[in-house]
Amino acid sequence: MTDRDQGSEFGDGEPVVRDKRRIDPETGNLREPAEQSAAPAGGAGAGGATAGMPGTPGAQPPRDPSDLIAGPSAQEALLTEALAERTADLQRLQAEYVNYKRRVDRDRETNRELVIGSVLTELLQTLDDIGRAREAGELEGAFKAVAESVERVTEKLGLTKFGEVGDPFDPRIHEALLHNYSDEVDGPTATLVMQPGYRLGERILRAARVAVSEPTEQLPADQADADEADKPTE
């Protein structure tokens, strides 16, 4: 029950007695290990192990090496970079959505105009009949009310009538069915409208069919001589 320390620097080799019995012979109670209660303040335990080192009770796990590198400034830089990337992604998605919406709206409007144009094209012959009846004085009574109602609907849908006597001839909107020369015009002019034209917005549904007159000075020389020869002499 005794330990003998040989060559201790604190003594001259006298024996040291330590009572290591677990049960106190006087009280009969269980003793607490004295070594655990009187552990050195430096944290050294049995075998020279230090608290907090790997492999000892209560030791903390080793830190990730990246934790030693990424300090507050480095973490802030990483967060700022991630935020910039997410912001760029959101801006790109928003731009793509805006372009998609514009394209869809444009296609929807184009399809709408095509459908309306197809319906109005089928009504052009009916509008021609209404116009001829009006010129003949036959647009009366219930027929007149129905005809005017049809014309109001077509105008509401955007149908526009064009082609008047005296309009300058434009091959983009006029179709010349007759051609002659006249001293009463200064350039190619529609002198007779045989069938009016119609447009829907900027789209021509039907060109106006007209007779075109040009100035006499543009008459070819051989035809001018022939016309001169045909004139009666006094």
Protein backbone atom coordinates (compact mmCIF):
# COMPACT_ATOMS: atom_id res chain seq x y z
CA MET A 1 0.00 0.00 0.00
CA THR A 2 3.01 2.25 -0.12
CA ASP A 3 4.93 3.80 -2.95
CA ARG A 4 8.59 4.55 -2.71
CA ASP A 5 9.90 7.41 -4.83
CA GLN A 6 13.54 6.99 -5.51
CA GLY A 7 15.72 10.02 -6.38
CA SER A 8 12.95 12.61 -6.00
CA GLU A 9 14.18 16.13 -6.37
CA PHE A 10 11.85 17.20 -3.55
CA GLY A 11 13.12 14.76 -0.91
CA ASP A 12 15.92 12.53 0.10
CA GLY A 13 14.33 9.24 -0.82
CA GLU A 14 12.11 8.79 2.31
CA PRO A 15 9.07 6.53 1.71
CA VAL A 16 5.73 8.17 0.90
CA VAL A 17 2.55 6.50 2.09
CA ARG A 18 -0.63 6.83 0.01
CA ASP A 19 -3.95 5.29 1.05
CA LYS A 20 -5.54 4.00 -2.16
CA ARG A 21 -8.36 2.04 -0.57
CA ARG A 22 -11.73 2.69 -2.23
CA ILE A 23 -13.67 2.31 1.05
CA ASP A 24 -12.92 4.49 4.03
CA PRO A 25 -12.10 2.13 6.94
CA GLU A 26 -13.55 4.58 9.49
CA THR A 27 -16.87 5.54 7.81
CA GLY A 28 -17.37 2.66 5.39
CA ASN A 29 -18.23 5.08 2.56
CA LEU A 30 -16.93 4.95 -1.01
CA ARG A 31 -14.15 7.37 -1.62
CA GLU A 32 -13.82 9.57 -4.69
CA PRO A 33 -10.49 9.20 -6.55
CA ALA A 34 -8.21 11.84 -5.17
CA GLU A 35 -6.30 12.02 -8.41
CA GLN A 36 -9.39 13.20 -10.35
CA SER A 37 -10.33 15.85 -7.81
CA ALA A 38 -6.80 17.12 -7.55
CA ALA A 39 -5.92 17.23 -11.24
CA PRO A 40 -3.18 19.73 -12.12
CA ALA A 41 -4.41 23.12 -13.30
CA GLY A 42 -2.42 22.75 -16.50
CA GLY A 43 -4.81 20.02 -17.68
CA ALA A 44 -2.21 17.20 -17.74
CA GLY A 45 -3.74 13.80 -16.99
CA ALA A 46 -2.46 10.30 -16.72
CA GLY A 47 0.11 9.40 -19.25
CA GLY A 48 0.88 13.11 -19.94
CA ALA A 49 -2.26 13.61 -22.10
CA THR A 50 -3.57 17.15 -22.32
CA ALA A 51 -7.31 17.99 -22.23
CA GLY A 52 -8.59 19.28 -25.55
CA MET A 53 -6.12 17.26 -27.63
CA PRO A 54 -7.39 14.61 -30.03
CA GLY A 55 -7.80 11.19 -28.43
CA THR A 56 -8.58 12.49 -24.92
CA PRO A 57 -11.97 12.80 -23.17
CA GLY A 58 -13.62 16.19 -23.80
CA ALA A 59 -11.37 16.95 -26.76
CA GLN A 60 -12.78 19.24 -29.49
CA PRO A 61 -12.77 17.96 -33.13
CA PRO A 62 -10.10 19.49 -35.34
CA ARG A 63 -11.23 22.64 -37.22
CA ASP A 64 -11.70 22.69 -40.96
CA PRO A 65 -8.61 24.21 -42.60
CA SER A 66 -10.92 26.50 -44.62
CA ASP A 67 -12.11 28.01 -41.31
CA LEU A 68 -8.58 29.12 -40.62
CA ILE A 69 -8.35 30.80 -44.07
CA ALA A 70 -11.87 32.28 -44.55
CA GLY A 71 -11.95 35.00 -41.99
CA PRO A 72 -14.71 37.63 -41.75
CA SER A 73 -13.37 39.59 -44.74
CA ALA A 74 -13.05 36.51 -46.95
CA GLN A 75 -16.56 35.31 -46.02
CA GLU A 76 -18.00 38.74 -46.81
CA ALA A 77 -16.30 38.66 -50.22
CA LEU A 78 -17.75 35.19 -50.94
CA LEU A 79 -21.26 36.33 -49.95
CA THR A 80 -20.95 39.45 -52.10
CA GLU A 81 -19.88 37.37 -55.11
CA ALA A 82 -22.74 34.91 -54.61
CA LEU A 83 -25.24 37.78 -54.33
CA ALA A 84 -23.92 39.33 -57.56
CA GLU A 85 -24.31 36.00 -59.39
CA ARG A 86 -27.89 35.52 -58.17
CA THR A 87 -28.76 39.11 -59.10
CA ALA A 88 -27.36 38.60 -62.62
CA ASP A 89 -29.40 35.40 -62.98
CA LEU A 90 -32.60 37.18 -61.95
CA GLN A 91 -31.94 40.07 -64.33
CA ARG A 92 -31.34 37.64 -67.21
CA LEU A 93 -34.55 35.75 -66.44
CA GLN A 94 -36.51 39.00 -66.27
CA ALA A 95 -35.13 40.16 -69.64
CA GLU A 96 -36.00 36.80 -71.22
CA TYR A 97 -39.54 37.01 -69.84
CA VAL A 98 -40.03 40.58 -71.14
CA ASN A 99 -38.83 39.56 -74.63
CA TYR A 100 -41.07 36.48 -74.57
CA LYS A 101 -44.10 38.56 -73.55
CA ARG A 102 -43.45 41.11 -76.31
CA ARG A 103 -43.13 38.34 -78.91
CA VAL A 104 -46.34 36.67 -77.74
CA ASP A 105 -48.26 39.97 -77.80
CA ARG A 106 -46.94 40.77 -81.30
CA ASP A 107 -47.88 37.32 -82.62
CA ARG A 108 -51.32 37.57 -81.02
CA GLU A 109 -51.96 40.94 -82.67
CA THR A 110 -50.75 39.65 -86.04
CA ASN A 111 -53.04 36.62 -85.85
CA ARG A 112 -55.95 38.85 -84.87
CA GLU A 113 -55.41 41.09 -87.90
CA LEU A 114 -55.18 38.05 -90.19
CA VAL A 115 -58.48 36.65 -88.91
CA ILE A 116 -60.27 40.01 -89.17
CA GLY A 117 -58.83 40.55 -92.64
CA SER A 118 -60.10 37.17 -93.81
CA VAL A 119 -63.62 37.93 -92.59
CA LEU A 120 -63.68 41.41 -94.10
CA THR A 121 -62.40 40.13 -97.44
CA GLU A 122 -65.45 37.88 -97.65
CA LEU A 123 -67.69 40.91 -97.03
CA LEU A 124 -66.21 43.09 -99.78
CA GLN A 125 -68.63 41.78 -102.40
CA THR A 126 -71.55 42.57 -100.10
CA LEU A 127 -70.22 46.11 -99.62
CA ASP A 128 -69.97 46.47 -103.42
CA ASP A 129 -73.64 45.47 -103.74
CA ILE A 130 -74.60 48.00 -101.08
CA GLY A 131 -72.68 50.72 -102.92
CA ARG A 132 -74.34 49.95 -106.27
CA ALA A 133 -77.77 49.92 -104.63
CA ARG A 134 -77.08 53.31 -103.08
CA GLU A 135 -76.01 54.78 -106.43
CA ALA A 136 -79.15 53.42 -108.07
CA GLY A 137 -81.39 54.86 -105.35
CA GLU A 138 -82.58 51.45 -104.23
CA LEU A 139 -81.19 51.61 -100.68
CA GLU A 140 -84.45 52.14 -98.78
CA GLY A 141 -86.43 50.79 -95.87
CA ALA A 142 -85.21 47.77 -93.89
CA PHE A 143 -82.53 47.03 -96.49
CA LYS A 144 -81.03 50.48 -95.89
CA ALA A 145 -80.91 49.90 -92.09
CA VAL A 146 -79.21 46.53 -92.50
CA ALA A 147 -76.73 47.91 -95.04
CA GLU A 148 -75.74 50.81 -92.82
CA SER A 149 -75.36 48.46 -89.86
CA VAL A 150 -72.97 46.26 -91.88
CA GLU A 151 -70.95 49.30 -92.92
CA ARG A 152 -70.69 50.51 -89.31
CA VAL A 153 -69.42 47.12 -88.15
CA THR A 154 -66.76 46.95 -90.87
CA GLU A 155 -65.61 50.49 -90.07
CA LYS A 156 -65.41 49.61 -86.39
CA LEU A 157 -63.16 46.68 -87.25
CA GLY A 158 -60.80 49.07 -89.06
CA LEU A 159 -61.88 48.68 -92.70
CA THR A 160 -61.20 51.80 -94.76
CA LYS A 161 -62.51 52.51 -98.24
CA PHE A 162 -60.36 54.38 -100.76
CA GLY A 163 -60.31 55.28 -104.44
CA GLU A 164 -61.77 58.55 -105.71
CA VAL A 165 -61.86 60.23 -109.13
CA GLY A 166 -58.91 62.59 -109.39
CA ASP A 167 -56.56 60.61 -107.15
CA PRO A 168 -52.98 60.37 -108.46
CA PHE A 169 -52.42 56.90 -109.84
CA ASP A 170 -50.39 54.72 -107.45
CA PRO A 171 -49.67 51.18 -108.66
CA ARG A 172 -49.37 50.04 -105.02
CA ILE A 173 -53.05 50.73 -104.32
CA HIS A 174 -54.58 51.09 -107.79
CA GLU A 175 -55.22 48.56 -110.52
CA ALA A 176 -55.49 50.19 -113.95
CA LEU A 177 -58.14 48.52 -116.10
CA LEU A 178 -58.33 51.29 -118.76
CA HIS A 179 -55.74 53.73 -120.04
CA ASN A 180 -56.03 56.91 -122.16
CA TYR A 181 -54.57 60.39 -122.66
CA SER A 182 -56.12 63.71 -121.74
CA ASP A 183 -55.27 67.41 -121.81
CA GLU A 184 -57.02 67.85 -118.45
CA VAL A 185 -54.48 66.02 -116.29
CA ASP A 186 -50.92 66.86 -115.31
CA GLY A 187 -49.86 63.29 -114.56
CA PRO A 188 -51.24 59.76 -114.32
CA THR A 189 -54.64 60.23 -112.72
CA ALA A 190 -57.58 58.00 -111.83
CA THR A 191 -60.40 59.47 -113.98
CA LEU A 192 -62.91 56.68 -113.38
CA VAL A 193 -63.36 54.35 -110.37
CA MET A 194 -64.91 51.08 -111.42
CA GLN A 195 -64.47 49.37 -108.07
CA PRO A 196 -63.30 50.97 -104.80
CA GLY A 197 -60.39 49.63 -102.83
CA TYR A 198 -60.26 48.64 -99.16
CA ARG A 199 -57.47 48.52 -96.58
CA LEU A 200 -57.17 47.23 -93.03
CA GLY A 201 -54.64 49.35 -91.25
CA GLU A 202 -51.59 49.33 -93.52
CA ARG A 203 -52.67 46.13 -95.26
CA ILE A 204 -54.35 46.41 -98.68
CA LEU A 205 -57.25 43.96 -98.86
CA ARG A 206 -58.19 44.96 -102.40
CA ALA A 207 -56.72 47.51 -104.81
CA ALA A 208 -59.02 50.11 -106.34
CA ARG A 209 -59.81 49.33 -109.97
CA VAL A 210 -59.66 52.50 -112.03
CA ALA A 211 -59.26 54.02 -115.48
CA VAL A 212 -56.04 56.02 -115.76
CA SER A 213 -55.46 59.11 -117.91
CA GLU A 214 -52.05 60.56 -118.72
CA PRO A 215 -51.12 64.01 -120.15
CA THR A 216 -51.30 64.31 -123.95
CA GLU A 217 -47.67 65.42 -124.19
CA GLN A 218 -46.67 61.95 -123.10
CA LEU A 219 -48.44 60.47 -126.12
CA PRO A 220 -46.02 58.52 -128.33
CA ALA A 221 -45.02 60.39 -131.52
CA ASP A 222 -46.47 57.88 -133.99
CA GLN A 223 -49.81 57.78 -132.19
CA ALA A 224 -49.86 61.62 -131.95
CA ASP A 225 -49.38 61.82 -135.71
CA ALA A 226 -52.17 59.33 -136.25
CA ASP A 227 -54.52 61.28 -134.00
CA GLU A 228 -53.62 64.49 -135.79
CA ALA A 229 -54.37 62.90 -139.12
CA ASP A 230 -57.74 61.70 -137.85
CA LYS A 231 -58.83 65.19 -136.95
CA PRO A 232 -61.39 66.62 -139.44
CA THR A 233 -60.11 69.38 -141.71
CA GLU A 234 -62.07 72.58 -142.23
